[in-house]
Every structure is written in structure tokens, then in C-alpha cells.
Amino acid sequence: MNKIEKQWDQFGEENPYFAVVTLNKFNKENLDDEVLSDFFVSGEEYTARIWNEIENNLKPNFYPKRSLDFGCGVGRLAIPIAKRSKKSVGVDISQKMLDEAKRNADKLNIENIEFVKGDDDLSRLKEKFDFVHSFIVIQHINPTIGENIFKRIIDLLEEDGIGALHLTYDHPGKLSSVLRYRIYRNFPFIYSLRNLLLKQKKEPLIPVFTYDLNRIFGILQNNNCHKCYVRFSEHGHKGIHIFFEKKADYIY
């Protein structure tokens, strides 16, 4: 088990819902039936917005035969995606997260979803998809690995398939806070020491990386994803949600 996998397994075991949506209400000490309901309602609302974007701008009456949710966590988005698909696959690096996602799907009687352990090459995914999705996940992966995963996800997309992938490209904070965060992210022992001195929780820092959009759009263009547009997001970092159709015969 590598360091990143171990870190996310720790989140999956100790505080899985907060690791997915970092709002205090989803901390493990605050979880009850009402809070969990809010958690999954937020996933339904988000997925409805994604479908609305796709149907209004790319493909009316969108109903994928096979969908992929990369970085599915506990199933907040993978489950509502499955409800809108014939079959669906959720992928995550953490087996603890996948186990919790499976329990959540079973509770909701979602039978058309499969959960698969992820790695840097998504080597366990053998079939292709006509919808690929990821939200606030790729930002947690170092671009040296994340760009390869981004390309691999596009490789798994069928011709005429639809993608909705999110990543971050800028940290808008003051230079001092950006540098401090990068030190904590790149040297975790310093962050652990800081928490010890301040008598704070020993949870590992959830890393966030920014991506070079020139390289990202180059990957899209070089892989026939010519029909695309973006929506901006901001979750502490500036991000974009890229919607695209893989269409080699797109007319310029």
C-alpha cells in the first residue's frame, strides 16, 4: 500500500464523509440520519445539474449505457449517476471508501453499480464507457500522476461519449498562505508537528494541486474531444468543470 492509498484509507476508516465534503456538519461526531440524508441529497442535486448541462448543451435525453465515476468515495455522486445509467462503475483508491460506498448502495437498493479499486493506470477497468465523470477528486492527485489518469479516463471513453471532469488551476490566496500550504502539503511531517504544537487533530492534510490548463486542453484535443466547454468553480482553489464530447468527425 503506497502512502497516498494509506492516507485515503485512513480517511475512509476515520472520517469518510468529511473527507468527501469538508464541511463541519459531515464530521463523524455530527453524523446522524438527518445529516446523512443531507449528504446524499446534495449528491442528487449536483448530479441533476450535471445532467441538465449535458442535455442542454451536448446530448438531449442523455441516458448512458455505462458510466464511470472516478474518485467515488462513499458514493455521494456514483449512486445518483447509477440511477441515471443502465450500468455504472465507481472507482476509488481507498478500499475503506469503496466498502462504505457499497453499503450505501445496498441500503438504497442500487443494484446496477460496481465498485472497483483504483490505481495510477486504472488497470482494473477493461471495458469502455459512454459517460466519464469526476468532481473535486483529480485536484488531490499530483499532476505528475494526475495527467496520466486524466488521459486514461479519456481513453476509456467511447466515441460519441460524454465527459464531465473537474480540476483546479489556481490558488487565489496571498503568496504567504500559498507557500505555507505548499510546505504543509509537500512535507507532511511539518504539518503533523504544527498540529501537535497547536494540540489539534492528527488527521493528515488533504492535498490540493493545481493543473496547467494548456496541457489539459492539449490532452483533450489530441484525443478527439473537440466539442467542449467549461464552467468555473471555486472551493478554496479556482477550478473548472470541463464538459466534452469525444467526436473525431467534429466539424470546425
C-alpha atoms as a PDB file:
ATOM      1  CA  MET A   1       0.000   0.000   0.000  1.00  0.00           C
ATOM      2  CA  ASN A   2       1.546   3.333  -1.038  1.00  0.00           C
ATOM      3  CA  LYS A   3       1.489   6.493   1.079  1.00  0.00           C
ATOM      4  CA  ILE A   4      -1.432   8.121  -0.753  1.00  0.00           C
ATOM      5  CA  GLU A   5      -3.547   4.974  -0.608  1.00  0.00           C
ATOM      6  CA  LYS A   6      -2.787   4.614   3.097  1.00  0.00           C
ATOM      7  CA  GLN A   7      -3.776   8.238   3.706  1.00  0.00           C
ATOM      8  CA  TRP A   8      -7.138   7.883   1.988  1.00  0.00           C
ATOM      9  CA  ASP A   9      -7.791   4.580   3.718  1.00  0.00           C
ATOM     10  CA  GLN A  10      -7.243   6.447   6.982  1.00  0.00           C
ATOM     11  CA  PHE A  11      -9.856   8.996   5.957  1.00  0.00           C
ATOM     12  CA  GLY A  12     -12.145   6.186   4.820  1.00  0.00           C
ATOM     13  CA  GLU A  13     -11.914   4.497   8.191  1.00  0.00           C
ATOM     14  CA  GLU A  14     -11.905   7.527  10.497  1.00  0.00           C
ATOM     15  CA  ASN A  15     -13.914  10.297   8.815  1.00  0.00           C
ATOM     16  CA  PRO A  16     -15.126   9.285   5.326  1.00  0.00           C
ATOM     17  CA  TYR A  17     -17.999  11.743   4.819  1.00  0.00           C
ATOM     18  CA  PHE A  18     -15.979  14.777   5.881  1.00  0.00           C
ATOM     19  CA  ALA A  19     -13.165  13.669   3.533  1.00  0.00           C
ATOM     20  CA  VAL A  20     -15.668  13.806   0.650  1.00  0.00           C
ATOM     21  CA  VAL A  21     -17.317  17.112   1.588  1.00  0.00           C
ATOM     22  CA  THR A  22     -15.175  19.102   4.022  1.00  0.00           C
ATOM     23  CA  LEU A  23     -17.990  20.827   5.882  1.00  0.00           C
ATOM     24  CA  ASN A  24     -18.084  20.535   9.672  1.00  0.00           C
ATOM     25  CA  LYS A  25     -21.617  19.111   9.629  1.00  0.00           C
ATOM     26  CA  PHE A  26     -20.221  15.980   7.940  1.00  0.00           C
ATOM     27  CA  ASN A  27     -17.587  15.345  10.614  1.00  0.00           C
ATOM     28  CA  LYS A  28     -18.096  11.919  12.182  1.00  0.00           C
ATOM     29  CA  GLU A  29     -19.151  13.381  15.543  1.00  0.00           C
ATOM     30  CA  ASN A  30     -22.018  15.239  13.824  1.00  0.00           C
ATOM     31  CA  LEU A  31     -23.355  12.395  11.693  1.00  0.00           C
ATOM     32  CA  ASP A  32     -26.936  11.320  12.234  1.00  0.00           C
ATOM     33  CA  ASP A  33     -29.744  10.244   9.904  1.00  0.00           C
ATOM     34  CA  GLU A  34     -30.660  13.834   9.027  1.00  0.00           C
ATOM     35  CA  VAL A  35     -27.074  14.841   8.243  1.00  0.00           C
ATOM     36  CA  LEU A  36     -26.521  11.711   6.139  1.00  0.00           C
ATOM     37  CA  SER A  37     -29.737  12.465   4.264  1.00  0.00           C
ATOM     38  CA  ASP A  38     -28.440  15.990   3.546  1.00  0.00           C
ATOM     39  CA  PHE A  39     -25.181  14.494   2.312  1.00  0.00           C
ATOM     40  CA  PHE A  40     -26.874  12.297  -0.294  1.00  0.00           C
ATOM     41  CA  VAL A  41     -29.450  14.943  -1.246  1.00  0.00           C
ATOM     42  CA  SER A  42     -26.533  17.226  -2.120  1.00  0.00           C
ATOM     43  CA  GLY A  43     -25.249  14.498  -4.432  1.00  0.00           C
ATOM     44  CA  GLU A  44     -28.632  14.145  -6.116  1.00  0.00           C
ATOM     45  CA  GLU A  45     -28.849  17.919  -6.631  1.00  0.00           C
ATOM     46  CA  TYR A  46     -25.348  18.111  -8.069  1.00  0.00           C
ATOM     47  CA  THR A  47     -25.975  15.203 -10.466  1.00  0.00           C
ATOM     48  CA  ALA A  48     -29.251  16.763 -11.636  1.00  0.00           C
ATOM     49  CA  ARG A  49     -27.318  19.940 -12.526  1.00  0.00           C
ATOM     50  CA  ILE A  50     -24.721  17.912 -14.448  1.00  0.00           C
ATOM     51  CA  TRP A  51     -27.431  16.139 -16.424  1.00  0.00           C
ATOM     52  CA  ASN A  52     -29.107  19.459 -17.152  1.00  0.00           C
ATOM     53  CA  GLU A  53     -25.808  20.833 -18.516  1.00  0.00           C
ATOM     54  CA  ILE A  54     -25.285  17.795 -20.727  1.00  0.00           C
ATOM     55  CA  GLU A  55     -28.833  17.652 -22.060  1.00  0.00           C
ATOM     56  CA  ASN A  56     -28.996  21.378 -22.801  1.00  0.00           C
ATOM     57  CA  ASN A  57     -25.569  21.649 -24.420  1.00  0.00           C
ATOM     58  CA  LEU A  58     -24.354  18.274 -25.689  1.00  0.00           C
ATOM     59  CA  LYS A  59     -26.840  15.399 -25.793  1.00  0.00           C
ATOM     60  CA  PRO A  60     -30.631  15.649 -25.202  1.00  0.00           C
ATOM     61  CA  ASN A  61     -32.318  12.779 -23.324  1.00  0.00           C
ATOM     62  CA  PHE A  62     -28.951  11.612 -22.038  1.00  0.00           C
ATOM     63  CA  TYR A  63     -29.054   8.028 -20.763  1.00  0.00           C
ATOM     64  CA  PRO A  64     -25.609   6.386 -20.737  1.00  0.00           C
ATOM     65  CA  LYS A  65     -25.332   2.636 -21.058  1.00  0.00           C
ATOM     66  CA  ARG A  66     -22.193   2.517 -18.925  1.00  0.00           C
ATOM     67  CA  SER A  67     -20.961   5.321 -16.627  1.00  0.00           C
ATOM     68  CA  LEU A  68     -17.738   5.854 -14.699  1.00  0.00           C
ATOM     69  CA  ASP A  69     -17.359   7.966 -11.556  1.00  0.00           C
ATOM     70  CA  PHE A  70     -13.664   8.382 -10.785  1.00  0.00           C
ATOM     71  CA  GLY A  71     -12.904   9.025  -7.109  1.00  0.00           C
ATOM     72  CA  CYS A  72     -16.338   7.869  -5.987  1.00  0.00           C
ATOM     73  CA  GLY A  73     -15.600   7.981  -2.239  1.00  0.00           C
ATOM     74  CA  VAL A  74     -18.638   6.791  -0.288  1.00  0.00           C
ATOM     75  CA  GLY A  75     -20.945   7.009  -3.321  1.00  0.00           C
ATOM     76  CA  ARG A  76     -22.365  10.536  -2.989  1.00  0.00           C
ATOM     77  CA  LEU A  77     -22.302  11.036  -6.773  1.00  0.00           C
ATOM     78  CA  ALA A  78     -21.788   7.480  -8.020  1.00  0.00           C
ATOM     79  CA  ILE A  79     -25.198   6.425  -6.696  1.00  0.00           C
ATOM     80  CA  PRO A  80     -27.291   9.163  -8.404  1.00  0.00           C
ATOM     81  CA  ILE A  81     -25.229   8.626 -11.584  1.00  0.00           C
ATOM     82  CA  ALA A  82     -26.167   4.936 -11.428  1.00  0.00           C
ATOM     83  CA  LYS A  83     -29.837   5.896 -11.137  1.00  0.00           C
ATOM     84  CA  ARG A  84     -29.490   7.718 -14.475  1.00  0.00           C
ATOM     85  CA  SER A  85     -27.498   4.975 -16.240  1.00  0.00           C
ATOM     86  CA  LYS A  86     -28.018   1.415 -17.363  1.00  0.00           C
ATOM     87  CA  LYS A  87     -24.812   0.338 -15.576  1.00  0.00           C
ATOM     88  CA  SER A  88     -22.283   2.283 -13.535  1.00  0.00           C
ATOM     89  CA  VAL A  89     -18.832   1.849 -12.033  1.00  0.00           C
ATOM     90  CA  GLY A  90     -17.382   3.773  -9.106  1.00  0.00           C
ATOM     91  CA  VAL A  91     -13.591   3.830  -8.724  1.00  0.00           C
ATOM     92  CA  ASP A  92     -11.589   4.864  -5.676  1.00  0.00           C
ATOM     93  CA  ILE A  93      -8.064   4.322  -4.376  1.00  0.00           C
ATOM     94  CA  SER A  94      -9.360   3.562  -0.877  1.00  0.00           C
ATOM     95  CA  GLN A  95     -10.866   0.167  -0.174  1.00  0.00           C
ATOM     96  CA  LYS A  96     -12.373   1.590   3.030  1.00  0.00           C
ATOM     97  CA  MET A  97     -14.243   4.191   0.966  1.00  0.00           C
ATOM     98  CA  LEU A  98     -15.391   1.533  -1.513  1.00  0.00           C
ATOM     99  CA  ASP A  99     -16.698  -0.674   1.297  1.00  0.00           C
ATOM    100  CA  GLU A 100     -18.745   2.237   2.677  1.00  0.00           C
ATOM    101  CA  ALA A 101     -19.999   3.107  -0.825  1.00  0.00           C
ATOM    102  CA  LYS A 102     -21.147  -0.488  -1.317  1.00  0.00           C
ATOM    103  CA  ARG A 103     -23.027  -0.390   1.986  1.00  0.00           C
ATOM    104  CA  ASN A 104     -24.722   2.857   0.954  1.00  0.00           C
ATOM    105  CA  ALA A 105     -25.723   1.454  -2.445  1.00  0.00           C
ATOM    106  CA  ASP A 106     -27.128  -1.675  -0.801  1.00  0.00           C
ATOM    107  CA  LYS A 107     -29.177   0.421   1.643  1.00  0.00           C
ATOM    108  CA  LEU A 108     -30.714   2.271  -1.301  1.00  0.00           C
ATOM    109  CA  ASN A 109     -31.255  -0.938  -3.330  1.00  0.00           C
ATOM    110  CA  ILE A 110     -28.998   0.282  -6.156  1.00  0.00           C
ATOM    111  CA  GLU A 111     -28.105  -2.935  -7.985  1.00  0.00           C
ATOM    112  CA  ASN A 112     -26.632  -1.634 -11.263  1.00  0.00           C
ATOM    113  CA  ILE A 113     -23.403  -0.307  -9.745  1.00  0.00           C
ATOM    114  CA  GLU A 114     -19.987  -1.903  -9.313  1.00  0.00           C
ATOM    115  CA  PHE A 115     -17.158  -0.571  -7.162  1.00  0.00           C
ATOM    116  CA  VAL A 116     -13.577  -1.056  -8.358  1.00  0.00           C
ATOM    117  CA  LYS A 117     -10.240  -0.404  -6.632  1.00  0.00           C
ATOM    118  CA  GLY A 118      -8.265   2.288  -8.449  1.00  0.00           C
ATOM    119  CA  ASP A 119      -4.554   2.658  -9.210  1.00  0.00           C
ATOM    120  CA  ASP A 120      -2.392   5.077 -11.201  1.00  0.00           C
ATOM    121  CA  ASP A 121      -3.260   3.360 -14.506  1.00  0.00           C
ATOM    122  CA  LEU A 122      -6.873   2.371 -13.759  1.00  0.00           C
ATOM    123  CA  SER A 123      -5.660  -1.085 -14.741  1.00  0.00           C
ATOM    124  CA  ARG A 124      -8.716  -2.905 -13.376  1.00  0.00           C
ATOM    125  CA  LEU A 125     -11.027  -1.149 -15.845  1.00  0.00           C
ATOM    126  CA  LYS A 126     -11.199  -3.259 -19.003  1.00  0.00           C
ATOM    127  CA  GLU A 127     -14.406  -2.036 -20.673  1.00  0.00           C
ATOM    128  CA  LYS A 128     -15.198   1.380 -22.137  1.00  0.00           C
ATOM    129  CA  PHE A 129     -17.813   3.912 -21.045  1.00  0.00           C
ATOM    130  CA  ASP A 130     -20.124   6.388 -22.748  1.00  0.00           C
ATOM    131  CA  PHE A 131     -20.019   8.720 -19.732  1.00  0.00           C
ATOM    132  CA  VAL A 132     -16.980   9.539 -17.595  1.00  0.00           C
ATOM    133  CA  HIS A 133     -17.152  11.817 -14.573  1.00  0.00           C
ATOM    134  CA  SER A 134     -15.038  13.138 -11.724  1.00  0.00           C
ATOM    135  CA  PHE A 135     -15.629  16.026  -9.327  1.00  0.00           C
ATOM    136  CA  ILE A 136     -13.250  17.540  -6.716  1.00  0.00           C
ATOM    137  CA  VAL A 137     -11.019  14.462  -6.969  1.00  0.00           C
ATOM    138  CA  ILE A 138      -8.268  14.974  -9.564  1.00  0.00           C
ATOM    139  CA  GLN A 139      -7.232  18.092  -7.656  1.00  0.00           C
ATOM    140  CA  HIS A 140      -5.986  15.829  -4.850  1.00  0.00           C
ATOM    141  CA  ILE A 141      -3.572  13.989  -7.184  1.00  0.00           C
ATOM    142  CA  ASN A 142      -0.105  15.264  -8.033  1.00  0.00           C
ATOM    143  CA  PRO A 143      -0.171  16.312 -11.737  1.00  0.00           C
ATOM    144  CA  THR A 144       2.766  14.017 -12.488  1.00  0.00           C
ATOM    145  CA  ILE A 145       0.299  11.171 -11.898  1.00  0.00           C
ATOM    146  CA  GLY A 146      -2.983  13.024 -12.433  1.00  0.00           C
ATOM    147  CA  GLU A 147      -2.333  13.943 -16.068  1.00  0.00           C
ATOM    148  CA  ASN A 148      -1.831  10.272 -16.890  1.00  0.00           C
ATOM    149  CA  ILE A 149      -5.069   9.391 -15.093  1.00  0.00           C
ATOM    150  CA  PHE A 150      -6.876  12.225 -16.924  1.00  0.00           C
ATOM    151  CA  LYS A 151      -5.703  10.811 -20.268  1.00  0.00           C
ATOM    152  CA  ARG A 152      -6.545   7.250 -19.235  1.00  0.00           C
ATOM    153  CA  ILE A 153     -10.114   8.299 -18.353  1.00  0.00           C
ATOM    154  CA  ILE A 154     -10.468   9.824 -21.830  1.00  0.00           C
ATOM    155  CA  ASP A 155      -9.008   6.654 -23.392  1.00  0.00           C
ATOM    156  CA  LEU A 156     -11.808   4.724 -21.669  1.00  0.00           C
ATOM    157  CA  LEU A 157     -14.471   6.962 -23.237  1.00  0.00           C
ATOM    158  CA  GLU A 158     -16.342   5.595 -26.253  1.00  0.00           C
ATOM    159  CA  GLU A 159     -16.599   7.570 -29.486  1.00  0.00           C
ATOM    160  CA  ASP A 160     -19.569   9.990 -29.105  1.00  0.00           C
ATOM    161  CA  GLY A 161     -19.315   9.564 -25.338  1.00  0.00           C
ATOM    162  CA  ILE A 162     -19.678  12.433 -22.872  1.00  0.00           C
ATOM    163  CA  GLY A 163     -17.232  13.576 -20.205  1.00  0.00           C
ATOM    164  CA  ALA A 164     -17.589  15.875 -17.198  1.00  0.00           C
ATOM    165  CA  LEU A 165     -14.246  16.241 -15.423  1.00  0.00           C
ATOM    166  CA  HIS A 166     -13.273  18.765 -12.778  1.00  0.00           C
ATOM    167  CA  LEU A 167      -9.845  20.043 -11.735  1.00  0.00           C
ATOM    168  CA  THR A 168      -8.215  23.102 -10.164  1.00  0.00           C
ATOM    169  CA  TYR A 169      -5.831  25.544 -11.846  1.00  0.00           C
ATOM    170  CA  ASP A 170      -5.041  28.317  -9.333  1.00  0.00           C
ATOM    171  CA  HIS A 171      -4.745  29.020  -5.611  1.00  0.00           C
ATOM    172  CA  PRO A 172      -6.008  32.615  -5.237  1.00  0.00           C
ATOM    173  CA  GLY A 173      -4.748  33.230  -1.681  1.00  0.00           C
ATOM    174  CA  LYS A 174      -1.958  35.524  -0.549  1.00  0.00           C
ATOM    175  CA  LEU A 175       1.534  34.399  -1.514  1.00  0.00           C
ATOM    176  CA  SER A 176       2.436  33.716   2.135  1.00  0.00           C
ATOM    177  CA  SER A 177      -0.577  31.421   2.643  1.00  0.00           C
ATOM    178  CA  VAL A 178       0.051  29.646  -0.670  1.00  0.00           C
ATOM    179  CA  LEU A 179       3.682  28.977   0.267  1.00  0.00           C
ATOM    180  CA  ARG A 180       2.715  27.831   3.764  1.00  0.00           C
ATOM    181  CA  TYR A 181       0.132  25.424   2.345  1.00  0.00           C
ATOM    182  CA  ARG A 182       2.654  24.009  -0.154  1.00  0.00           C
ATOM    183  CA  ILE A 183       5.134  23.391   2.654  1.00  0.00           C
ATOM    184  CA  TYR A 184       2.467  21.530   4.657  1.00  0.00           C
ATOM    185  CA  ARG A 185       1.386  19.572   1.560  1.00  0.00           C
ATOM    186  CA  ASN A 186       4.877  18.621   0.390  1.00  0.00           C
ATOM    187  CA  PHE A 187       6.350  17.996   3.850  1.00  0.00           C
ATOM    188  CA  PRO A 188       3.585  16.284   5.858  1.00  0.00           C
ATOM    189  CA  PHE A 189       5.774  15.867   8.946  1.00  0.00           C
ATOM    190  CA  ILE A 190       5.856  19.668   9.299  1.00  0.00           C
ATOM    191  CA  TYR A 191       2.038  19.743   9.214  1.00  0.00           C
ATOM    192  CA  SER A 192       1.913  16.969  11.821  1.00  0.00           C
ATOM    193  CA  LEU A 193       4.342  18.895  14.036  1.00  0.00           C
ATOM    194  CA  ARG A 194       2.249  22.047  13.646  1.00  0.00           C
ATOM    195  CA  ASN A 195      -0.889  20.149  14.741  1.00  0.00           C
ATOM    196  CA  LEU A 196       0.977  18.683  17.702  1.00  0.00           C
ATOM    197  CA  LEU A 197       2.156  22.095  18.862  1.00  0.00           C
ATOM    198  CA  LEU A 198      -1.327  23.570  18.453  1.00  0.00           C
ATOM    199  CA  LYS A 199      -2.923  20.485  20.073  1.00  0.00           C
ATOM    200  CA  GLN A 200      -5.094  19.895  17.027  1.00  0.00           C
ATOM    201  CA  LYS A 201      -6.281  16.664  15.443  1.00  0.00           C
ATOM    202  CA  LYS A 202      -3.647  14.418  13.901  1.00  0.00           C
ATOM    203  CA  GLU A 203      -5.585  13.980  10.645  1.00  0.00           C
ATOM    204  CA  PRO A 204      -3.359  14.178   7.546  1.00  0.00           C
ATOM    205  CA  LEU A 205      -3.707  17.229   5.316  1.00  0.00           C
ATOM    206  CA  ILE A 206      -5.904  16.666   2.262  1.00  0.00           C
ATOM    207  CA  PRO A 207      -3.574  17.777  -0.550  1.00  0.00           C
ATOM    208  CA  VAL A 208      -4.744  20.034  -3.386  1.00  0.00           C
ATOM    209  CA  PHE A 209      -2.742  20.541  -6.592  1.00  0.00           C
ATOM    210  CA  THR A 210      -3.244  22.927  -9.495  1.00  0.00           C
ATOM    211  CA  TYR A 211      -3.066  21.868 -13.146  1.00  0.00           C
ATOM    212  CA  ASP A 212      -1.640  23.504 -16.265  1.00  0.00           C
ATOM    213  CA  LEU A 213      -4.718  24.098 -18.439  1.00  0.00           C
ATOM    214  CA  ASN A 214      -2.626  24.246 -21.620  1.00  0.00           C
ATOM    215  CA  ARG A 215      -1.561  20.653 -21.008  1.00  0.00           C
ATOM    216  CA  ILE A 216      -5.095  19.576 -20.073  1.00  0.00           C
ATOM    217  CA  PHE A 217      -6.678  21.057 -23.189  1.00  0.00           C
ATOM    218  CA  GLY A 218      -3.849  19.583 -25.251  1.00  0.00           C
ATOM    219  CA  ILE A 219      -4.791  16.130 -23.946  1.00  0.00           C
ATOM    220  CA  LEU A 220      -8.427  16.748 -24.869  1.00  0.00           C
ATOM    221  CA  GLN A 221      -7.632  17.965 -28.384  1.00  0.00           C
ATOM    222  CA  ASN A 222      -5.132  15.179 -29.068  1.00  0.00           C
ATOM    223  CA  ASN A 223      -7.751  12.596 -28.093  1.00  0.00           C
ATOM    224  CA  ASN A 224     -10.592  13.839 -30.311  1.00  0.00           C
ATOM    225  CA  CYS A 225     -12.530  15.652 -27.595  1.00  0.00           C
ATOM    226  CA  HIS A 226     -13.108  18.624 -29.866  1.00  0.00           C
ATOM    227  CA  LYS A 227     -16.545  19.643 -28.674  1.00  0.00           C
ATOM    228  CA  CYS A 228     -16.119  21.033 -25.171  1.00  0.00           C
ATOM    229  CA  TYR A 229     -16.906  23.936 -22.863  1.00  0.00           C
ATOM    230  CA  VAL A 230     -16.209  24.843 -19.238  1.00  0.00           C
ATOM    231  CA  ARG A 231     -17.944  26.065 -16.121  1.00  0.00           C
ATOM    232  CA  PHE A 232     -15.897  27.743 -13.399  1.00  0.00           C
ATOM    233  CA  SER A 233     -15.874  26.609  -9.766  1.00  0.00           C
ATOM    234  CA  GLU A 234     -14.302  27.793  -6.540  1.00  0.00           C
ATOM    235  CA  HIS A 235     -13.737  25.608  -3.496  1.00  0.00           C
ATOM    236  CA  GLY A 236     -10.833  27.451  -1.901  1.00  0.00           C
ATOM    237  CA  HIS A 237      -8.986  26.979  -5.189  1.00  0.00           C
ATOM    238  CA  LYS A 238     -10.115  28.196  -8.591  1.00  0.00           C
ATOM    239  CA  GLY A 239     -11.324  25.317 -10.733  1.00  0.00           C
ATOM    240  CA  ILE A 240     -13.030  24.369 -13.957  1.00  0.00           C
ATOM    241  CA  HIS A 241     -15.568  21.733 -14.801  1.00  0.00           C
ATOM    242  CA  ILE A 242     -14.913  20.599 -18.380  1.00  0.00           C
ATOM    243  CA  PHE A 243     -17.833  19.149 -20.334  1.00  0.00           C
ATOM    244  CA  PHE A 244     -16.956  17.482 -23.619  1.00  0.00           C
ATOM    245  CA  GLU A 245     -17.989  15.028 -26.293  1.00  0.00           C
ATOM    246  CA  LYS A 246     -15.489  12.653 -27.865  1.00  0.00           C
ATOM    247  CA  LYS A 247     -16.199  13.202 -31.509  1.00  0.00           C
ATOM    248  CA  ALA A 248     -13.477  12.647 -34.116  1.00  0.00           C
ATOM    249  CA  ASP A 249     -15.579  13.930 -37.031  1.00  0.00           C
ATOM    250  CA  TYR A 250     -16.487  17.249 -35.369  1.00  0.00           C
ATOM    251  CA  ILE A 251     -16.836  19.983 -37.989  1.00  0.00           C
ATOM    252  CA  TYR A 252     -14.702  23.071 -37.296  1.00  0.00           C
END
